[in-house]
N, C-alpha and C. Protein backbone atom coordinates (compact mmCIF):
# COMPACT_ATOMS: atom_id res chain seq x y z
N MET A 1 123.99 59.52 126.57
CA MET A 1 123.76 60.23 127.83
C MET A 1 124.53 59.55 128.95
N GLN A 2 125.24 60.34 129.77
CA GLN A 2 125.99 59.81 130.89
C GLN A 2 125.43 60.41 132.18
N ASN A 3 125.28 59.56 133.20
CA ASN A 3 124.69 60.04 134.44
C ASN A 3 125.62 59.93 135.64
N SER A 4 126.79 59.30 135.47
CA SER A 4 127.71 59.12 136.58
C SER A 4 128.30 60.46 137.01
N PHE A 5 128.57 60.57 138.31
CA PHE A 5 129.12 61.81 138.84
C PHE A 5 130.54 62.01 138.34
N ASP A 6 130.84 63.21 137.88
CA ASP A 6 132.14 63.53 137.30
C ASP A 6 132.81 64.59 138.18
N HIS A 7 133.88 64.19 138.85
CA HIS A 7 134.57 65.13 139.75
C HIS A 7 135.17 66.31 138.98
N LYS A 8 135.63 66.05 137.75
CA LYS A 8 136.22 67.14 136.97
C LYS A 8 135.18 68.21 136.64
N THR A 9 134.04 67.77 136.15
CA THR A 9 132.97 68.72 135.82
C THR A 9 132.54 69.49 137.06
N ASN A 10 132.44 68.79 138.18
CA ASN A 10 132.07 69.44 139.43
C ASN A 10 133.11 70.48 139.84
N THR A 11 134.40 70.14 139.68
CA THR A 11 135.47 71.09 139.98
C THR A 11 135.37 72.33 139.11
N ILE A 12 135.10 72.13 137.83
CA ILE A 12 134.98 73.25 136.90
C ILE A 12 133.78 74.12 137.25
N LYS A 13 132.70 73.50 137.70
CA LYS A 13 131.53 74.27 138.14
C LYS A 13 131.88 75.15 139.34
N TRP A 14 132.63 74.57 140.29
CA TRP A 14 133.07 75.34 141.45
C TRP A 14 133.94 76.51 141.03
N ILE A 15 134.90 76.25 140.14
CA ILE A 15 135.80 77.32 139.68
C ILE A 15 135.01 78.40 138.94
N GLY A 16 134.08 77.97 138.10
CA GLY A 16 133.26 78.93 137.36
C GLY A 16 132.44 79.81 138.28
N THR A 17 131.82 79.21 139.30
CA THR A 17 130.99 79.96 140.24
C THR A 17 131.83 80.93 141.06
N LEU A 18 133.00 80.46 141.53
CA LEU A 18 133.88 81.31 142.34
C LEU A 18 134.41 82.49 141.53
N THR A 19 134.91 82.22 140.32
CA THR A 19 135.48 83.30 139.50
C THR A 19 134.40 84.25 139.01
N MET A 20 133.20 83.75 138.76
CA MET A 20 132.09 84.63 138.40
C MET A 20 131.78 85.59 139.54
N THR A 21 131.77 85.06 140.77
CA THR A 21 131.50 85.89 141.94
C THR A 21 132.57 86.98 142.09
N ILE A 22 133.83 86.60 141.92
CA ILE A 22 134.93 87.57 142.00
C ILE A 22 134.77 88.64 140.91
N ASP A 23 134.41 88.21 139.72
CA ASP A 23 134.20 89.14 138.61
C ASP A 23 133.10 90.14 138.93
N HIS A 24 132.00 89.65 139.47
CA HIS A 24 130.87 90.53 139.78
C HIS A 24 131.15 91.43 140.98
N ILE A 25 131.96 90.97 141.91
CA ILE A 25 132.40 91.84 143.00
C ILE A 25 133.19 93.01 142.42
N GLY A 26 134.06 92.70 141.46
CA GLY A 26 134.81 93.76 140.79
C GLY A 26 133.90 94.70 140.01
N TYR A 27 132.92 94.13 139.31
CA TYR A 27 132.04 94.95 138.46
C TYR A 27 131.18 95.90 139.30
N TYR A 28 130.57 95.37 140.35
CA TYR A 28 129.61 96.16 141.12
C TYR A 28 130.26 97.02 142.21
N LEU A 29 131.28 96.48 142.86
CA LEU A 29 131.82 97.15 144.05
C LEU A 29 133.17 97.82 143.83
N PHE A 30 134.03 97.23 143.00
CA PHE A 30 135.38 97.78 142.82
C PHE A 30 135.73 97.85 141.33
N PRO A 31 135.01 98.67 140.58
CA PRO A 31 135.20 98.72 139.12
C PRO A 31 136.60 99.15 138.69
N SER A 32 137.34 99.79 139.56
CA SER A 32 138.69 100.22 139.19
C SER A 32 139.75 99.17 139.48
N VAL A 33 139.36 98.08 140.12
CA VAL A 33 140.32 97.01 140.47
C VAL A 33 140.31 95.98 139.33
N LEU A 34 141.25 96.14 138.41
CA LEU A 34 141.26 95.35 137.18
C LEU A 34 141.49 93.87 137.43
N TRP A 35 142.31 93.53 138.44
CA TRP A 35 142.66 92.13 138.61
C TRP A 35 141.45 91.27 139.01
N LEU A 36 140.43 91.89 139.61
CA LEU A 36 139.21 91.14 139.91
C LEU A 36 138.50 90.73 138.62
N ARG A 37 138.47 91.65 137.66
CA ARG A 37 137.83 91.35 136.38
C ARG A 37 138.65 90.35 135.57
N ILE A 38 139.99 90.41 135.72
CA ILE A 38 140.85 89.47 135.01
C ILE A 38 140.60 88.05 135.52
N ILE A 39 140.55 87.88 136.84
CA ILE A 39 140.23 86.57 137.41
C ILE A 39 138.87 86.09 136.91
N GLY A 40 137.95 87.03 136.80
CA GLY A 40 136.60 86.69 136.37
C GLY A 40 136.49 86.19 134.95
N ARG A 41 137.53 86.41 134.13
CA ARG A 41 137.47 85.94 132.75
C ARG A 41 137.48 84.41 132.67
N VAL A 42 137.89 83.77 133.73
CA VAL A 42 137.92 82.30 133.73
C VAL A 42 136.51 81.72 133.79
N ALA A 43 135.56 82.47 134.31
CA ALA A 43 134.22 81.95 134.55
C ALA A 43 133.50 81.55 133.26
N PHE A 44 133.52 82.41 132.26
CA PHE A 44 132.73 82.17 131.05
C PHE A 44 133.10 80.86 130.35
N PRO A 45 134.39 80.59 130.09
CA PRO A 45 134.71 79.29 129.47
C PRO A 45 134.35 78.10 130.36
N CYS A 46 134.38 78.27 131.67
CA CYS A 46 133.95 77.19 132.56
C CYS A 46 132.47 76.88 132.37
N PHE A 47 131.67 77.93 132.18
CA PHE A 47 130.24 77.71 131.97
C PHE A 47 129.97 77.15 130.58
N LEU A 48 130.75 77.55 129.59
CA LEU A 48 130.63 76.94 128.26
C LEU A 48 130.92 75.45 128.34
N TYR A 49 131.97 75.11 129.07
CA TYR A 49 132.30 73.70 129.28
C TYR A 49 131.15 72.97 129.98
N GLY A 50 130.57 73.63 130.96
CA GLY A 50 129.43 73.05 131.67
C GLY A 50 128.25 72.80 130.76
N ILE A 51 128.04 73.69 129.79
CA ILE A 51 126.95 73.51 128.83
C ILE A 51 127.21 72.31 127.94
N ILE A 52 128.47 72.14 127.53
CA ILE A 52 128.82 70.96 126.72
C ILE A 52 128.48 69.69 127.49
N GLU A 53 128.89 69.65 128.75
CA GLU A 53 128.63 68.48 129.58
C GLU A 53 127.13 68.32 129.87
N GLY A 54 126.48 69.44 130.21
CA GLY A 54 125.07 69.37 130.54
C GLY A 54 124.20 68.93 129.38
N THR A 55 124.49 69.44 128.19
CA THR A 55 123.72 69.07 127.00
C THR A 55 123.87 67.59 126.71
N GLU A 56 125.06 67.07 126.94
CA GLU A 56 125.32 65.66 126.67
C GLU A 56 124.73 64.75 127.74
N ARG A 57 124.75 65.17 128.99
CA ARG A 57 124.40 64.30 130.09
C ARG A 57 122.94 64.37 130.54
N THR A 58 122.24 65.46 130.23
CA THR A 58 120.89 65.63 130.78
C THR A 58 119.95 64.49 130.37
N ARG A 59 119.10 64.11 131.30
CA ARG A 59 118.09 63.08 131.01
C ARG A 59 116.90 63.66 130.26
N ASN A 60 116.65 64.95 130.47
CA ASN A 60 115.48 65.59 129.87
C ASN A 60 115.93 66.91 129.26
N TYR A 61 116.26 66.88 127.97
CA TYR A 61 116.83 68.08 127.35
C TYR A 61 115.82 69.22 127.30
N ARG A 62 114.57 68.93 127.06
CA ARG A 62 113.57 70.00 127.00
C ARG A 62 113.50 70.76 128.31
N ARG A 63 113.51 70.04 129.42
CA ARG A 63 113.48 70.69 130.73
C ARG A 63 114.78 71.47 130.96
N TYR A 64 115.90 70.88 130.56
CA TYR A 64 117.21 71.52 130.73
C TYR A 64 117.26 72.86 130.00
N ILE A 65 116.85 72.89 128.75
CA ILE A 65 116.95 74.12 127.97
C ILE A 65 115.89 75.13 128.42
N PHE A 66 114.73 74.64 128.86
CA PHE A 66 113.69 75.53 129.36
C PHE A 66 114.16 76.24 130.63
N GLN A 67 114.79 75.51 131.53
CA GLN A 67 115.28 76.10 132.77
C GLN A 67 116.36 77.14 132.49
N LEU A 68 117.23 76.85 131.54
CA LEU A 68 118.29 77.79 131.18
C LEU A 68 117.70 79.07 130.60
N LEU A 69 116.74 78.92 129.70
CA LEU A 69 116.10 80.08 129.09
C LEU A 69 115.29 80.87 130.11
N LEU A 70 114.57 80.17 130.98
CA LEU A 70 113.76 80.84 132.00
C LEU A 70 114.64 81.65 132.94
N LEU A 71 115.79 81.09 133.32
CA LEU A 71 116.71 81.83 134.19
C LEU A 71 117.20 83.09 133.50
N GLY A 72 117.47 82.99 132.20
CA GLY A 72 117.88 84.18 131.45
C GLY A 72 116.81 85.26 131.47
N ILE A 73 115.56 84.85 131.28
CA ILE A 73 114.45 85.81 131.26
C ILE A 73 114.25 86.44 132.64
N LEU A 74 114.27 85.62 133.69
CA LEU A 74 114.07 86.13 135.04
C LEU A 74 115.22 87.04 135.47
N SER A 75 116.40 86.84 134.90
CA SER A 75 117.56 87.65 135.26
C SER A 75 117.66 88.95 134.47
N MET A 76 116.83 89.13 133.48
CA MET A 76 116.92 90.31 132.61
C MET A 76 116.87 91.63 133.36
N PRO A 77 115.99 91.79 134.38
CA PRO A 77 115.96 93.08 135.09
C PRO A 77 117.20 93.33 135.96
N ILE A 78 117.98 92.28 136.20
CA ILE A 78 119.09 92.36 137.14
C ILE A 78 120.42 92.55 136.45
N THR A 79 120.65 91.80 135.39
CA THR A 79 121.97 91.77 134.76
C THR A 79 122.25 93.05 133.98
N PRO A 80 123.53 93.47 133.91
CA PRO A 80 123.89 94.69 133.17
C PRO A 80 123.47 94.63 131.70
N ASN A 81 123.63 93.46 131.08
CA ASN A 81 123.17 93.26 129.71
C ASN A 81 121.80 92.58 129.76
N THR A 82 120.79 93.24 129.18
CA THR A 82 119.43 92.71 129.25
C THR A 82 119.35 91.30 128.66
N LEU A 83 119.89 91.12 127.46
CA LEU A 83 119.98 89.79 126.86
C LEU A 83 121.28 89.17 127.35
N ASN A 84 121.23 88.67 128.56
CA ASN A 84 122.43 88.29 129.29
C ASN A 84 123.05 86.99 128.77
N VAL A 85 124.12 86.58 129.45
CA VAL A 85 124.90 85.42 129.02
C VAL A 85 124.09 84.14 129.00
N LEU A 86 123.00 84.06 129.77
CA LEU A 86 122.19 82.85 129.77
C LEU A 86 121.57 82.60 128.40
N PHE A 87 121.28 83.66 127.66
CA PHE A 87 120.73 83.49 126.31
C PHE A 87 121.80 82.96 125.36
N LEU A 88 123.03 83.41 125.54
CA LEU A 88 124.13 82.88 124.74
C LEU A 88 124.34 81.39 125.03
N LEU A 89 124.31 81.03 126.32
CA LEU A 89 124.47 79.63 126.69
C LEU A 89 123.33 78.78 126.15
N THR A 90 122.13 79.34 126.12
CA THR A 90 120.98 78.63 125.54
C THR A 90 121.19 78.37 124.06
N LEU A 91 121.62 79.39 123.32
CA LEU A 91 121.85 79.23 121.89
C LEU A 91 122.97 78.24 121.61
N PHE A 92 124.00 78.30 122.43
CA PHE A 92 125.12 77.37 122.26
C PHE A 92 124.66 75.93 122.50
N SER A 93 123.89 75.72 123.55
CA SER A 93 123.38 74.38 123.82
C SER A 93 122.49 73.88 122.68
N LEU A 94 121.62 74.74 122.19
CA LEU A 94 120.75 74.36 121.07
C LEU A 94 121.56 73.99 119.84
N SER A 95 122.66 74.70 119.60
CA SER A 95 123.50 74.39 118.43
C SER A 95 124.20 73.05 118.59
N LEU A 96 124.48 72.66 119.84
CA LEU A 96 125.07 71.35 120.08
C LEU A 96 124.04 70.24 119.86
N LYS A 97 122.83 70.49 120.29
CA LYS A 97 121.77 69.49 120.19
C LYS A 97 121.25 69.38 118.76
N TYR A 98 121.18 70.51 118.07
CA TYR A 98 120.64 70.54 116.70
C TYR A 98 121.64 71.23 115.77
N PRO A 99 122.77 70.58 115.48
CA PRO A 99 123.84 71.22 114.71
C PRO A 99 123.44 71.62 113.29
N LYS A 100 122.39 71.03 112.74
CA LYS A 100 121.99 71.41 111.38
C LYS A 100 121.45 72.84 111.33
N TYR A 101 121.10 73.38 112.51
CA TYR A 101 120.64 74.77 112.57
C TYR A 101 121.74 75.70 113.11
N PHE A 102 122.97 75.28 112.95
CA PHE A 102 124.12 76.03 113.46
C PHE A 102 124.11 77.49 113.00
N ILE A 103 123.88 77.72 111.73
CA ILE A 103 123.92 79.09 111.18
C ILE A 103 122.83 79.95 111.82
N LEU A 104 121.67 79.37 112.03
CA LEU A 104 120.58 80.12 112.67
C LEU A 104 120.96 80.55 114.08
N PHE A 105 121.47 79.61 114.87
CA PHE A 105 121.84 79.94 116.24
C PHE A 105 123.03 80.90 116.29
N LEU A 106 123.96 80.73 115.35
CA LEU A 106 125.10 81.66 115.26
C LEU A 106 124.60 83.07 114.97
N SER A 107 123.66 83.19 114.05
CA SER A 107 123.11 84.50 113.68
C SER A 107 122.38 85.15 114.86
N LEU A 108 121.62 84.35 115.59
CA LEU A 108 120.89 84.89 116.74
C LEU A 108 121.83 85.34 117.85
N SER A 109 123.00 84.74 117.91
CA SER A 109 123.95 85.10 118.97
C SER A 109 124.45 86.54 118.84
N ILE A 110 124.26 87.15 117.68
CA ILE A 110 124.65 88.55 117.48
C ILE A 110 123.99 89.46 118.50
N PHE A 111 122.78 89.11 118.92
CA PHE A 111 121.95 90.00 119.73
C PHE A 111 122.11 89.81 121.23
N VAL A 112 122.90 88.83 121.67
CA VAL A 112 122.99 88.54 123.09
C VAL A 112 124.39 88.83 123.63
N GLU A 113 124.51 88.81 124.95
CA GLU A 113 125.80 89.06 125.60
C GLU A 113 126.84 88.05 125.12
N TYR A 114 128.04 88.52 124.89
CA TYR A 114 129.17 87.75 124.35
C TYR A 114 129.01 87.45 122.87
N ASN A 115 127.85 87.61 122.31
CA ASN A 115 127.54 87.51 120.88
C ASN A 115 128.29 86.39 120.14
N ILE A 116 128.67 86.66 118.90
CA ILE A 116 129.30 85.63 118.06
C ILE A 116 130.61 85.14 118.68
N TYR A 117 131.33 86.05 119.32
CA TYR A 117 132.58 85.67 119.99
C TYR A 117 132.34 84.53 120.98
N GLY A 118 131.35 84.69 121.86
CA GLY A 118 131.08 83.68 122.87
C GLY A 118 130.61 82.37 122.25
N PHE A 119 129.81 82.48 121.21
CA PHE A 119 129.29 81.29 120.52
C PHE A 119 130.43 80.48 119.91
N LEU A 120 131.32 81.16 119.19
CA LEU A 120 132.44 80.47 118.55
C LEU A 120 133.45 79.96 119.57
N PHE A 121 133.59 80.68 120.68
CA PHE A 121 134.46 80.22 121.75
C PHE A 121 133.97 78.87 122.27
N GLY A 122 132.66 78.76 122.43
CA GLY A 122 132.08 77.50 122.88
C GLY A 122 132.41 76.36 121.93
N TRP A 123 132.30 76.62 120.63
CA TRP A 123 132.58 75.57 119.66
C TRP A 123 134.08 75.26 119.60
N ALA A 124 134.92 76.24 119.84
CA ALA A 124 136.36 75.98 119.91
C ALA A 124 136.68 75.08 121.10
N LEU A 125 136.01 75.33 122.23
CA LEU A 125 136.19 74.48 123.41
C LEU A 125 135.68 73.06 123.15
N LEU A 126 134.58 72.97 122.42
CA LEU A 126 134.04 71.65 122.07
C LEU A 126 135.04 70.88 121.21
N TRP A 127 135.64 71.56 120.23
CA TRP A 127 136.63 70.92 119.36
C TRP A 127 137.83 70.47 120.18
N MET A 128 138.26 71.31 121.10
CA MET A 128 139.38 70.98 121.96
C MET A 128 139.07 69.74 122.81
N LYS A 129 137.84 69.66 123.30
CA LYS A 129 137.44 68.57 124.20
C LYS A 129 137.15 67.28 123.45
N LYS A 130 136.49 67.37 122.29
CA LYS A 130 135.97 66.17 121.63
C LYS A 130 136.79 65.71 120.43
N GLN A 131 137.48 66.65 119.75
CA GLN A 131 138.12 66.30 118.49
C GLN A 131 139.65 66.28 118.59
N ASP A 132 140.23 67.46 118.71
CA ASP A 132 141.68 67.57 118.72
C ASP A 132 142.09 68.69 119.67
N LYS A 133 142.84 68.33 120.71
CA LYS A 133 143.19 69.29 121.74
C LYS A 133 143.99 70.46 121.19
N LYS A 134 145.05 70.17 120.41
CA LYS A 134 145.91 71.23 119.89
C LYS A 134 145.15 72.15 118.94
N GLN A 135 144.39 71.56 118.05
CA GLN A 135 143.59 72.38 117.12
C GLN A 135 142.58 73.23 117.88
N GLY A 136 141.99 72.64 118.92
CA GLY A 136 141.02 73.38 119.72
C GLY A 136 141.64 74.55 120.45
N ILE A 137 142.84 74.36 120.99
CA ILE A 137 143.54 75.45 121.67
C ILE A 137 143.85 76.57 120.68
N ILE A 138 144.31 76.21 119.50
CA ILE A 138 144.58 77.21 118.47
C ILE A 138 143.30 77.97 118.12
N ALA A 139 142.20 77.25 117.98
CA ALA A 139 140.92 77.89 117.67
C ALA A 139 140.51 78.85 118.78
N CYS A 140 140.73 78.44 120.04
CA CYS A 140 140.41 79.33 121.16
C CYS A 140 141.23 80.61 121.10
N ILE A 141 142.50 80.49 120.78
CA ILE A 141 143.37 81.67 120.68
C ILE A 141 142.92 82.57 119.55
N LEU A 142 142.59 81.98 118.40
CA LEU A 142 142.14 82.77 117.25
C LEU A 142 140.84 83.51 117.56
N VAL A 143 139.94 82.85 118.26
CA VAL A 143 138.68 83.51 118.63
C VAL A 143 138.95 84.72 119.52
N GLN A 144 139.90 84.59 120.46
CA GLN A 144 140.24 85.71 121.33
C GLN A 144 140.84 86.86 120.53
N LEU A 145 141.70 86.54 119.57
CA LEU A 145 142.34 87.57 118.76
C LEU A 145 141.32 88.28 117.87
N LEU A 146 140.37 87.51 117.34
CA LEU A 146 139.33 88.12 116.50
C LEU A 146 138.41 89.02 117.31
N ASN A 147 138.29 88.73 118.60
CA ASN A 147 137.42 89.53 119.46
C ASN A 147 137.99 90.91 119.74
N LEU A 148 139.29 91.04 119.66
CA LEU A 148 139.97 92.34 119.84
C LEU A 148 139.63 92.97 121.20
N SER A 149 139.56 92.13 122.24
CA SER A 149 139.30 92.64 123.58
C SER A 149 140.48 92.33 124.47
N PHE A 150 141.04 93.36 125.09
CA PHE A 150 142.21 93.15 125.96
C PHE A 150 141.89 92.23 127.12
N ILE A 151 140.78 92.49 127.79
CA ILE A 151 140.50 91.75 129.01
C ILE A 151 140.03 90.33 128.73
N GLN A 152 139.29 90.12 127.63
CA GLN A 152 138.77 88.78 127.36
C GLN A 152 139.86 87.76 127.06
N ILE A 153 141.01 88.24 126.62
CA ILE A 153 142.08 87.29 126.29
C ILE A 153 142.54 86.52 127.52
N PHE A 154 142.27 87.07 128.70
CA PHE A 154 142.64 86.36 129.93
C PHE A 154 141.76 85.13 130.17
N SER A 155 140.72 84.97 129.38
CA SER A 155 139.91 83.75 129.49
C SER A 155 140.71 82.52 129.08
N LEU A 156 141.81 82.74 128.36
CA LEU A 156 142.68 81.62 127.98
C LEU A 156 143.33 80.96 129.19
N PHE A 157 143.34 81.67 130.33
CA PHE A 157 143.86 81.07 131.56
C PHE A 157 143.05 79.84 131.98
N SER A 158 141.85 79.73 131.44
CA SER A 158 141.00 78.59 131.80
C SER A 158 141.42 77.30 131.09
N LEU A 159 142.16 77.41 130.01
CA LEU A 159 142.44 76.22 129.20
C LEU A 159 143.21 75.14 129.95
N PRO A 160 144.25 75.48 130.73
CA PRO A 160 144.92 74.42 131.51
C PRO A 160 143.97 73.72 132.48
N ILE A 161 143.02 74.47 133.02
CA ILE A 161 142.04 73.89 133.94
C ILE A 161 141.12 72.93 133.19
N LEU A 162 140.63 73.37 132.04
CA LEU A 162 139.68 72.56 131.27
C LEU A 162 140.35 71.32 130.68
N ASN A 163 141.65 71.41 130.40
CA ASN A 163 142.36 70.28 129.80
C ASN A 163 142.97 69.34 130.83
N SER A 164 143.00 69.77 132.07
CA SER A 164 143.62 68.95 133.11
C SER A 164 142.82 67.67 133.35
N LYS A 165 143.53 66.60 133.60
CA LYS A 165 142.87 65.35 133.95
C LYS A 165 142.68 65.22 135.46
N GLN A 166 143.24 66.18 136.17
CA GLN A 166 143.12 66.18 137.62
C GLN A 166 141.81 66.85 138.04
N ALA A 167 141.29 66.43 139.17
CA ALA A 167 140.06 67.02 139.70
C ALA A 167 140.11 67.00 141.21
N LEU A 168 139.53 68.01 141.80
CA LEU A 168 139.43 68.07 143.26
C LEU A 168 138.16 67.36 143.70
N LYS A 169 138.22 66.66 144.80
CA LYS A 169 137.04 65.99 145.33
C LYS A 169 136.28 66.96 146.23
N LEU A 170 135.61 67.88 145.56
CA LEU A 170 134.83 68.91 146.25
C LEU A 170 133.41 68.43 146.47
N PRO A 171 132.70 69.04 147.42
CA PRO A 171 131.28 68.68 147.60
C PRO A 171 130.51 68.89 146.30
N LYS A 172 129.60 68.02 146.03
CA LYS A 172 128.81 68.13 144.82
C LYS A 172 127.91 69.35 144.89
N LEU A 173 127.99 70.19 143.88
CA LEU A 173 127.11 71.35 143.83
C LEU A 173 125.69 70.89 143.58
N PRO A 174 124.74 71.34 144.39
CA PRO A 174 123.34 70.97 144.17
C PRO A 174 122.90 71.33 142.75
N LYS A 175 122.07 70.51 142.18
CA LYS A 175 121.69 70.63 140.77
C LYS A 175 121.16 72.01 140.43
N TYR A 176 120.33 72.56 141.31
CA TYR A 176 119.67 73.82 140.99
C TYR A 176 120.31 75.02 141.69
N LEU A 177 121.48 74.83 142.28
CA LEU A 177 122.11 75.92 143.00
C LEU A 177 122.38 77.11 142.10
N PHE A 178 122.92 76.87 140.90
CA PHE A 178 123.27 77.97 140.01
C PHE A 178 122.05 78.79 139.62
N TYR A 179 120.92 78.11 139.41
CA TYR A 179 119.70 78.81 139.02
C TYR A 179 119.27 79.80 140.10
N PHE A 180 119.57 79.47 141.34
CA PHE A 180 119.25 80.36 142.46
C PHE A 180 120.36 81.39 142.66
N TYR A 181 121.60 80.94 142.60
CA TYR A 181 122.74 81.77 142.96
C TYR A 181 122.99 82.89 141.94
N TYR A 182 122.82 82.60 140.67
CA TYR A 182 123.15 83.58 139.62
C TYR A 182 122.43 84.91 139.82
N PRO A 183 121.10 84.93 139.95
CA PRO A 183 120.45 86.24 140.14
C PRO A 183 120.60 86.79 141.56
N VAL A 184 120.56 85.89 142.57
CA VAL A 184 120.52 86.36 143.95
C VAL A 184 121.83 87.06 144.35
N HIS A 185 122.97 86.49 143.97
CA HIS A 185 124.23 87.12 144.39
C HIS A 185 124.40 88.48 143.72
N GLN A 186 123.85 88.64 142.50
CA GLN A 186 123.93 89.94 141.84
C GLN A 186 123.02 90.96 142.51
N ILE A 187 121.87 90.52 142.97
CA ILE A 187 120.97 91.43 143.70
C ILE A 187 121.65 91.92 144.97
N ILE A 188 122.31 91.02 145.68
CA ILE A 188 123.01 91.39 146.91
C ILE A 188 124.12 92.39 146.61
N LEU A 189 124.90 92.13 145.56
CA LEU A 189 126.00 93.03 145.21
C LEU A 189 125.47 94.40 144.75
N MET A 190 124.36 94.40 144.02
CA MET A 190 123.75 95.66 143.60
C MET A 190 123.29 96.46 144.82
N TRP A 191 122.74 95.76 145.80
CA TRP A 191 122.29 96.43 147.03
C TRP A 191 123.48 97.02 147.78
N LEU A 192 124.56 96.25 147.90
CA LEU A 192 125.76 96.75 148.57
C LEU A 192 126.34 97.96 147.83
N ALA A 193 126.34 97.89 146.50
CA ALA A 193 126.86 99.00 145.71
C ALA A 193 125.98 100.25 145.87
N LYS A 194 124.68 100.04 145.92
CA LYS A 194 123.74 101.17 146.05
C LYS A 194 123.97 101.93 147.34
N TRP A 195 124.20 101.19 148.41
CA TRP A 195 124.39 101.83 149.71
C TRP A 195 125.85 102.11 150.01
N ASN A 196 126.71 101.73 149.08
CA ASN A 196 128.15 102.02 149.20
C ASN A 196 128.71 101.57 150.55
N LEU A 197 128.30 100.39 150.96
CA LEU A 197 128.71 99.90 152.28
C LEU A 197 130.21 99.66 152.36
N PHE A 198 130.79 99.15 151.26
CA PHE A 198 132.23 98.90 151.28
C PHE A 198 133.01 100.21 151.32
N GLY A 199 132.47 101.21 150.62
CA GLY A 199 133.13 102.51 150.63
C GLY A 199 133.11 103.12 152.01
N LEU A 200 132.00 102.96 152.72
CA LEU A 200 131.89 103.51 154.07
C LEU A 200 132.87 102.81 155.01
N LEU A 201 133.01 101.50 154.87
CA LEU A 201 133.93 100.77 155.73
C LEU A 201 135.38 101.15 155.47
N LEU A 202 135.72 101.34 154.19
CA LEU A 202 137.09 101.69 153.83
C LEU A 202 137.45 103.10 154.30
N ASN A 203 136.46 103.97 154.40
CA ASN A 203 136.73 105.36 154.79
C ASN A 203 136.77 105.57 156.30
N GLN A 204 136.42 104.52 157.04
CA GLN A 204 136.42 104.66 158.50
C GLN A 204 137.84 104.58 159.07
């Protein structure tokens, strides 16, 4: 377990949060603007990376996984996919902590957002980070090709960021900010989309 502040991990959290927000702005408010969704593909691998770091660094794993699962449950009425990405991140974290149950967690990932693709992507990133960078990059590419999704392949844009040794000295994100921000920003965007406020402004 490591407890020292890591500027790289913090930078990746910032990038993940920012690109997720851009992605959701595209999803809720400007669904025809493809480049917003393309930028948003960077978010998911950033959060997978965060799970790798969080699972390794947390002082209390039971609390860590409980909070992740609880956020997924509380977000179910809000997110487009009922079994949202938080459940995938939970399964991925559990597979890191208890690798002997890998097949069980892999099988359960079928039922959640990003499904087996997201689960294997996480393990490809883990291999890239912990074992062999080149092999991990190849694994990431293969996972994207097996997914057969045009837009998801843009998640590979995250690899130079995740592999970079450089980090920005950004303000430290509060520990529980994501737990608050994830559902709240989507509620705000849903409200804006419902009232079509951006459409009214553009038509003036």
